[in-house]
Structure formats: C-alpha cells, structure tokens
C-alpha cells in the first residue's frame, strides 16, 4: 500500500494547470448549455409528476409479468382514459396514471373502475398504492417548490456576500443559477418526472455546489492576503491547483455513493440519484471553469489594484561635489 499510494492519487502533487487560459471557452460553453436548457424547459418542457400536474397514480402488482395490452384494453372497456400505463420497477409491477378529477367522489369512482379493470385483465392483481392530488394542491406545491429554490439562492447570496467580498457572492450565485438551469435541462431531456423529490435533488445540488465553491474561495482569500502583489489571474490558478485534489476527491466520493442508487435504487430513488450525479459533475466543473473566471472578470481591478504595478525603487541623485 505504501508503494501503491502515489498511483492512487487523483491529482499529482504541485500541479500547475493554467485554468484561466480557457476561461472564455468555459464561459461560452456554459452559456450555450444553459441556453439550450432554457429552450428545453419551454419545449418539450418538464415531465411534471403528480405533485405538480395533479391526478391519480395507482401502483399494482400482477400475479405474473404484466400484459400491458390486456391492461390497456380492460381500462378502455371500463371507460377509463389513462394517461399512462407502464412498468414500475419489476416486471410484475404496474403504474397507472390518470388525469385530475373534478371532485373527490369522481376520484373514488375512477379508482374503483381501475381496480375492476386490472382484476378483469389479470385475475389476482392487487393495488398496493393509490395517490391522488387535486389541481389546486398541485399548483400550490409547484409555487412552494419554486419559492424554496428562490429563497435558497437568496440566502446563499447573503451568506457568501457576508463571508467574502461582493465579487465572490455575485460569481457564486451566477454560477449556481447556471448549474440549476443545466440540471433542469437534464430533466427535460431525459424526461424524468419533475416532482417534489426532484425539488429536493435540486436543493441538494445547490448545497453541494455551494460547499465546493466556498472551499475554493477560502483558498483564494487566504492567498490574497499571502501574496499581496501576485496578479489575480495567477493567484486564482494557484488556488484552484492547491484545492484540486480535495475537490476531485470529494466529488468522486459522493459520485460513487450516489451511483448504486441510480443503478439499483428503483423507480423511487433512481431519478433523484441520476440528477445528483449530473449535478456533481456540473457543480465541480463550474467551480473551476465558471465561478473562477467570473471572479476574475469582476475583481481583477478591485481585488488586485496593485497586481501589475510593483513599486519601483526611487531614483537616486548624485550629490554635487
């Protein structure tokens, strides 16, 4: 293990990568991805789950692998217009999604029809879960979820502004907004259901990404005091290289912890885990290629007014004989 330890290091000691040489490329790439994500948000849009779209979700277990053609035909015979009949995890588990009903009595009627249709299509089928959310409740939940995201961004801005200079706060919040837009674009592209669980995933990404940026910012602030005449561009590169091993090590640890959930977590946890994996990659890369270049653009003249002008020695005049 002693001889293998150098081979297992993610980043060699004393790296000297000039990250700021690619700052414009990083900002341009991020702008393109975020613009594409906003476009995907409007078309085709998010696949809203029952929490935000309203409706009924019924989970049933069939005695044998589900025959979806029979199930759909039985539902049609009962006069039920299902928005989705699909596999939910195992081959014998089915999820039936229905649109929102106008009243509670209508919900009960349509649930009874679905039970009868499932039993008729495959005798022995049993319904194990029924969730119903009305239109008014779903819109309220959507507003609450968006409010939670907005408040978290505001509190992060206040915290970083209080702890660092305003250039750090603006750079961090702009980067976090870009991270969230990319995550929303990922949701729209993969058609993962956007529900309260995904709101939790987005908030978790915000927390992880903020922590990563605070670590890098702390090193930059220490180096600002330590190297008082070093140009800001060189100082940022130095700070990123000094924290690179910690950044990649933490990211890889969290990534490996979330990967089994994405692969084997089932329908309930896999969506959350895939968004987390995407957020880890985006949050780690944005700390280097987005947050740092924004800080350089905003603070190059204010944080390092004297960066390029080291005091010159005073001229001496020869005294007359």
Protein backbone atom coordinates (compact mmCIF):
# COMPACT_ATOMS: atom_id res chain seq x y z
CA UNK A 1 0.00 0.00 0.00
CA UNK A 2 2.90 2.36 0.70
CA UNK A 3 4.24 1.95 -2.84
CA UNK A 4 0.74 1.98 -4.40
CA UNK A 5 -0.30 5.22 -2.69
CA UNK A 6 1.26 7.55 -5.31
CA UNK A 7 -0.55 5.62 -8.07
CA UNK A 8 -3.92 6.05 -6.36
CA UNK A 9 -3.71 9.84 -6.14
CA UNK A 10 -6.26 11.55 -8.33
CA UNK A 11 -4.12 14.66 -8.83
CA UNK A 12 -0.31 14.71 -8.63
CA UNK A 13 1.26 16.96 -6.05
CA UNK A 14 2.18 20.51 -7.05
CA UNK A 15 0.09 20.75 -10.20
CA UNK A 16 0.45 23.91 -12.28
CA UNK A 17 -2.52 23.90 -14.66
CA UNK A 18 -3.32 27.30 -16.17
CA UNK A 19 -7.10 27.05 -15.90
CA UNK A 20 -7.70 30.73 -16.60
CA UNK A 21 -6.31 30.39 -20.12
CA UNK A 22 -9.57 28.64 -21.01
CA UNK A 23 -11.85 30.99 -19.10
CA UNK A 24 -13.61 32.37 -22.17
CA UNK A 25 -14.15 28.89 -23.59
CA UNK A 26 -15.62 27.74 -20.26
CA UNK A 27 -17.97 30.71 -20.04
CA UNK A 28 -19.05 30.31 -23.66
CA UNK A 29 -19.70 26.57 -23.24
CA UNK A 30 -21.70 27.18 -20.08
CA UNK A 31 -23.77 29.90 -21.77
CA UNK A 32 -24.56 27.58 -24.69
CA UNK A 33 -25.59 24.70 -22.42
CA UNK A 34 -27.73 26.94 -20.21
CA UNK A 35 -29.43 28.50 -23.25
CA UNK A 36 -30.18 25.03 -24.61
CA UNK A 37 -31.54 24.02 -21.18
CA UNK A 38 -33.88 27.00 -21.08
CA UNK A 39 -35.10 26.08 -24.57
CA UNK A 40 -35.77 22.51 -23.42
CA UNK A 41 -37.66 23.89 -20.42
CA UNK A 42 -40.18 25.54 -22.75
CA UNK A 43 -40.16 22.81 -25.40
CA UNK A 44 -40.75 19.95 -24.85
CA UNK A 45 -40.96 21.10 -21.21
CA UNK A 46 -40.67 19.21 -17.96
CA UNK A 47 -42.39 15.90 -17.39
CA UNK A 48 -44.44 17.07 -14.42
CA UNK A 49 -45.26 14.40 -11.86
CA UNK A 50 -48.46 14.05 -9.93
CA UNK A 51 -47.24 16.51 -7.29
CA UNK A 52 -47.27 19.38 -9.80
CA UNK A 53 -49.63 18.23 -12.56
CA UNK A 54 -52.34 16.75 -10.36
CA UNK A 55 -54.09 13.45 -10.95
CA UNK A 56 -54.08 9.89 -9.63
CA UNK A 57 -51.29 7.32 -9.57
CA UNK A 58 -52.10 3.70 -8.75
CA UNK A 59 -49.43 1.05 -8.24
CA UNK A 60 -50.50 -2.56 -8.72
CA UNK A 61 -48.77 -5.96 -8.57
CA UNK A 62 -49.85 -8.65 -11.03
CA UNK A 63 -49.54 -12.41 -10.29
CA UNK A 64 -47.42 -12.83 -13.44
CA UNK A 65 -45.44 -10.44 -15.66
CA UNK A 66 -47.83 -7.67 -16.63
CA UNK A 67 -49.56 -7.89 -20.02
CA UNK A 68 -49.89 -4.21 -20.87
CA UNK A 69 -52.04 -4.77 -23.95
CA UNK A 70 -54.65 -6.58 -21.85
CA UNK A 71 -54.46 -3.97 -19.12
CA UNK A 72 -54.98 -1.06 -21.53
CA UNK A 73 -57.85 -2.88 -23.26
CA UNK A 74 -59.57 -3.58 -19.92
CA UNK A 75 -59.24 0.06 -18.86
CA UNK A 76 -60.74 1.22 -22.18
CA UNK A 77 -63.64 -1.21 -21.72
CA UNK A 78 -64.34 0.35 -18.31
CA UNK A 79 -64.36 3.81 -19.87
CA UNK A 80 -61.18 4.91 -18.10
CA UNK A 81 -58.87 7.28 -20.00
CA UNK A 82 -55.45 6.55 -18.51
CA UNK A 83 -52.65 8.97 -19.33
CA UNK A 84 -50.07 6.24 -18.77
CA UNK A 85 -49.87 2.50 -18.07
CA UNK A 86 -46.27 1.46 -17.64
CA UNK A 87 -43.88 -0.83 -15.84
CA UNK A 88 -42.85 0.40 -12.41
CA UNK A 89 -39.66 -1.38 -11.36
CA UNK A 90 -40.18 -5.15 -11.57
CA UNK A 91 -41.93 -6.89 -14.47
CA UNK A 92 -44.99 -7.62 -12.29
CA UNK A 93 -45.41 -4.05 -11.03
CA UNK A 94 -47.59 -1.60 -12.94
CA UNK A 95 -48.18 2.14 -12.53
CA UNK A 96 -51.46 3.57 -13.84
CA UNK A 97 -51.62 7.35 -14.18
CA UNK A 98 -54.90 9.20 -14.50
CA UNK A 99 -55.79 12.82 -15.03
CA UNK A 100 -57.09 15.04 -12.23
CA UNK A 101 -60.79 14.53 -11.41
CA UNK A 102 -63.14 17.42 -10.58
CA UNK A 103 -64.37 16.06 -7.22
CA UNK A 104 -63.42 13.55 -4.56
CA UNK A 105 -66.42 11.41 -5.47
CA UNK A 106 -65.19 11.25 -9.08
CA UNK A 107 -61.79 10.12 -7.78
CA UNK A 108 -63.39 7.24 -5.90
CA UNK A 109 -65.41 6.19 -8.94
CA UNK A 110 -62.44 6.13 -11.32
CA UNK A 111 -60.27 4.28 -8.75
CA UNK A 112 -62.97 1.59 -8.46
CA UNK A 113 -63.12 1.25 -12.24
CA UNK A 114 -59.36 0.84 -12.45
CA UNK A 115 -59.40 -1.87 -9.75
CA UNK A 116 -62.12 -3.75 -11.63
CA UNK A 117 -60.28 -3.43 -14.96
CA UNK A 118 -56.99 -4.70 -13.53
CA UNK A 119 -58.69 -7.65 -11.88
CA UNK A 120 -60.50 -8.48 -15.10
CA UNK A 121 -57.36 -8.30 -17.24
CA UNK A 122 -55.18 -10.36 -14.90
CA UNK A 123 -57.07 -12.04 -12.03
CA UNK A 124 -55.22 -11.82 -8.74
CA UNK A 125 -53.87 -8.32 -9.38
CA UNK A 126 -53.84 -6.20 -6.23
CA UNK A 127 -53.47 -2.44 -5.88
CA UNK A 128 -50.81 -1.60 -3.29
CA UNK A 129 -50.76 2.21 -3.52
CA UNK A 130 -53.10 5.00 -4.60
CA UNK A 131 -52.05 8.66 -4.59
CA UNK A 132 -54.37 11.48 -5.61
CA UNK A 133 -53.53 15.18 -5.85
CA UNK A 134 -56.03 17.84 -6.88
CA UNK A 135 -55.29 20.64 -9.33
CA UNK A 136 -55.32 23.36 -6.66
CA UNK A 137 -52.98 21.39 -4.39
CA UNK A 138 -50.57 20.66 -7.24
CA UNK A 139 -50.32 24.33 -8.23
CA UNK A 140 -49.71 25.26 -4.60
CA UNK A 141 -46.97 22.64 -4.32
CA UNK A 142 -45.34 23.95 -7.52
CA UNK A 143 -45.30 27.52 -6.17
CA UNK A 144 -43.89 26.31 -2.87
CA UNK A 145 -41.14 24.36 -4.65
CA UNK A 146 -40.13 27.34 -6.77
CA UNK A 147 -40.22 29.56 -3.67
CA UNK A 148 -37.89 27.14 -1.89
CA UNK A 149 -35.39 27.33 -4.76
CA UNK A 150 -35.59 31.13 -4.88
CA UNK A 151 -35.15 31.57 -1.14
CA UNK A 152 -32.21 29.20 -1.06
CA UNK A 153 -30.47 31.19 -3.80
CA UNK A 154 -31.12 34.44 -1.90
CA UNK A 155 -29.76 33.07 1.37
CA UNK A 156 -26.67 31.72 -0.39
CA UNK A 157 -26.09 35.20 -1.87
CA UNK A 158 -26.39 36.82 1.56
CA UNK A 159 -24.12 34.23 3.21
CA UNK A 160 -21.31 34.46 0.66
CA UNK A 161 -21.60 38.26 0.50
CA UNK A 162 -21.28 38.40 4.29
CA UNK A 163 -18.35 35.98 4.37
CA UNK A 164 -16.47 37.25 1.31
CA UNK A 165 -16.41 40.35 -0.89
CA UNK A 166 -19.35 41.06 -3.20
CA UNK A 167 -17.41 39.83 -6.24
CA UNK A 168 -17.30 36.35 -4.69
CA UNK A 169 -21.04 36.42 -3.94
CA UNK A 170 -22.06 37.51 -7.44
CA UNK A 171 -19.76 34.95 -9.05
CA UNK A 172 -21.10 32.13 -6.87
CA UNK A 173 -24.79 32.94 -7.35
CA UNK A 174 -24.48 33.42 -11.12
CA UNK A 175 -22.68 30.08 -11.32
CA UNK A 176 -25.33 28.37 -9.18
CA UNK A 177 -28.08 29.71 -11.44
CA UNK A 178 -26.25 28.28 -14.44
CA UNK A 179 -25.87 24.94 -12.61
CA UNK A 180 -29.60 24.79 -11.85
CA UNK A 181 -30.60 25.66 -15.42
CA UNK A 182 -28.40 22.83 -16.70
CA UNK A 183 -30.00 20.42 -14.22
CA UNK A 184 -33.47 21.49 -15.38
CA UNK A 185 -32.37 20.96 -18.98
CA UNK A 186 -31.16 17.48 -17.99
CA UNK A 187 -34.60 16.74 -16.52
CA UNK A 188 -36.36 17.96 -19.66
CA UNK A 189 -34.03 15.96 -21.92
CA UNK A 190 -34.24 12.68 -20.01
CA UNK A 191 -38.00 13.04 -19.31
CA UNK A 192 -37.51 12.17 -15.66
CA UNK A 193 -40.56 13.10 -13.62
CA UNK A 194 -40.31 16.53 -12.06
CA UNK A 195 -41.92 16.34 -8.64
CA UNK A 196 -41.15 17.22 -5.03
CA UNK A 197 -38.36 14.63 -4.98
CA UNK A 198 -36.65 16.50 -7.82
CA UNK A 199 -37.01 19.77 -5.92
CA UNK A 200 -35.09 18.04 -3.14
CA UNK A 201 -32.46 16.93 -5.67
CA UNK A 202 -32.04 20.49 -6.98
CA UNK A 203 -31.68 21.84 -3.44
CA UNK A 204 -29.09 19.16 -2.71
CA UNK A 205 -27.16 20.17 -5.83
CA UNK A 206 -27.25 23.79 -4.65
CA UNK A 207 -25.84 22.81 -1.27
CA UNK A 208 -23.10 20.62 -2.72
CA UNK A 209 -22.07 23.15 -5.36
CA UNK A 210 -22.02 25.99 -2.81
CA UNK A 211 -19.80 23.99 -0.46
CA UNK A 212 -17.37 23.25 -3.28
CA UNK A 213 -17.15 26.91 -4.26
CA UNK A 214 -16.69 28.10 -0.68
CA UNK A 215 -13.67 25.80 -0.30
CA UNK A 216 -12.03 27.24 -3.43
CA UNK A 217 -12.97 30.80 -2.41
CA UNK A 218 -11.45 30.32 1.03
CA UNK A 219 -8.12 29.39 -0.52
CA UNK A 220 -8.30 32.39 -2.84
CA UNK A 221 -8.95 34.71 0.09
CA UNK A 222 -6.01 33.25 2.01
CA UNK A 223 -3.75 33.70 -0.99
CA UNK A 224 -4.94 37.28 -1.48
CA UNK A 225 -3.51 38.05 1.95
CA UNK A 226 -0.44 35.89 1.48
CA UNK A 227 0.63 37.07 -1.97
CA UNK A 228 -0.13 40.76 -1.96
CA UNK A 229 1.47 41.56 -5.32
CA UNK A 230 0.64 38.43 -7.31
CA UNK A 231 -1.66 39.15 -10.29
CA UNK A 232 -5.20 37.91 -9.69
CA UNK A 233 -5.14 35.58 -12.68
CA UNK A 234 -2.08 33.74 -11.38
CA UNK A 235 -3.47 33.72 -7.85
CA UNK A 236 -6.74 32.10 -8.97
CA UNK A 237 -4.85 29.41 -10.90
CA UNK A 238 -2.66 28.78 -7.85
CA UNK A 239 -5.69 28.48 -5.54
CA UNK A 240 -7.52 26.06 -7.84
CA UNK A 241 -4.43 23.86 -8.19
CA UNK A 242 -3.95 23.81 -4.42
CA UNK A 243 -7.55 22.65 -3.82
CA UNK A 244 -7.87 20.43 -6.91
CA UNK A 245 -7.08 17.17 -5.13
CA UNK A 246 -9.62 17.89 -2.39
CA UNK A 247 -12.26 18.98 -4.91
CA UNK A 248 -11.94 15.92 -7.16
CA UNK A 249 -11.59 13.54 -4.20
CA UNK A 250 -14.80 14.78 -2.57
CA UNK A 251 -16.67 14.77 -5.88
CA UNK A 252 -15.59 11.22 -6.69
CA UNK A 253 -16.61 10.01 -3.22
CA UNK A 254 -20.10 11.49 -3.49
CA UNK A 255 -20.41 10.27 -7.09
CA UNK A 256 -19.55 6.69 -6.12
CA UNK A 257 -22.01 6.87 -3.21
CA UNK A 258 -24.87 8.00 -5.47
CA UNK A 259 -24.09 5.68 -8.41
CA UNK A 260 -25.57 2.50 -6.82
CA UNK A 261 -28.80 4.40 -6.08
CA UNK A 262 -29.03 5.42 -9.73
CA UNK A 263 -28.44 1.85 -10.96
CA UNK A 264 -30.38 -0.17 -8.36
CA UNK A 265 -32.48 2.35 -6.42
CA UNK A 266 -35.70 1.52 -8.24
CA UNK A 267 -38.19 3.98 -9.66
CA UNK A 268 -38.43 5.93 -6.42
CA UNK A 269 -34.75 6.78 -5.92
CA UNK A 270 -33.10 6.33 -9.31
CA UNK A 271 -34.36 9.63 -10.73
CA UNK A 272 -33.13 11.54 -7.69
CA UNK A 273 -29.73 9.81 -7.93
CA UNK A 274 -29.28 10.48 -11.67
CA UNK A 275 -29.95 14.18 -11.15
CA UNK A 276 -27.48 14.14 -8.25
CA UNK A 277 -24.79 12.52 -10.42
CA UNK A 278 -25.32 15.14 -13.10
CA UNK A 279 -25.24 17.91 -10.51
CA UNK A 280 -21.96 16.65 -9.02
CA UNK A 281 -20.24 16.77 -12.41
CA UNK A 282 -21.68 20.19 -13.27
CA UNK A 283 -21.06 21.68 -9.81
CA UNK A 284 -17.45 20.51 -9.69
CA UNK A 285 -16.58 21.75 -13.17
CA UNK A 286 -18.38 25.08 -12.68
CA UNK A 287 -16.28 25.88 -9.60
CA UNK A 288 -13.21 25.85 -11.84
CA UNK A 289 -14.40 26.99 -15.24
CA UNK A 290 -17.31 29.33 -14.38
CA UNK A 291 -17.09 30.74 -10.85
CA UNK A 292 -13.35 31.47 -11.05
CA UNK A 293 -13.48 33.28 -14.44
CA UNK A 294 -16.44 35.39 -13.26
CA UNK A 295 -14.47 36.35 -10.15
CA UNK A 296 -11.50 37.27 -12.35
CA UNK A 297 -13.65 39.49 -14.57
CA UNK A 298 -15.34 41.24 -11.63
CA UNK A 299 -12.38 41.61 -9.29
CA UNK A 300 -9.31 41.94 -11.48
CA UNK A 301 -9.03 45.69 -10.86
CA UNK A 302 -10.63 45.96 -7.42
CA UNK A 303 -9.12 42.94 -5.62
CA UNK A 304 -5.73 43.48 -7.18
CA UNK A 305 -5.36 47.17 -7.93
CA UNK A 306 -1.63 46.88 -7.45
CA UNK A 307 -1.25 43.46 -9.10
CA UNK A 308 0.64 44.72 -12.11
CA UNK A 309 2.46 47.61 -10.56
CA UNK A 310 5.11 46.59 -8.10
CA UNK A 311 6.75 49.61 -6.50
CA UNK A 312 9.84 50.68 -8.37
CA UNK A 313 12.95 51.76 -6.46
CA UNK A 314 13.32 55.53 -6.14
CA UNK A 315 15.87 57.23 -8.34
CA UNK A 316 18.98 58.47 -6.58
CA UNK A 317 20.64 61.68 -7.47
CA UNK A 318 24.34 62.20 -7.13
CA UNK A 319 25.23 64.91 -4.64
CA UNK A 320 27.30 67.72 -6.08
CA UNK A 321 30.97 67.66 -5.16
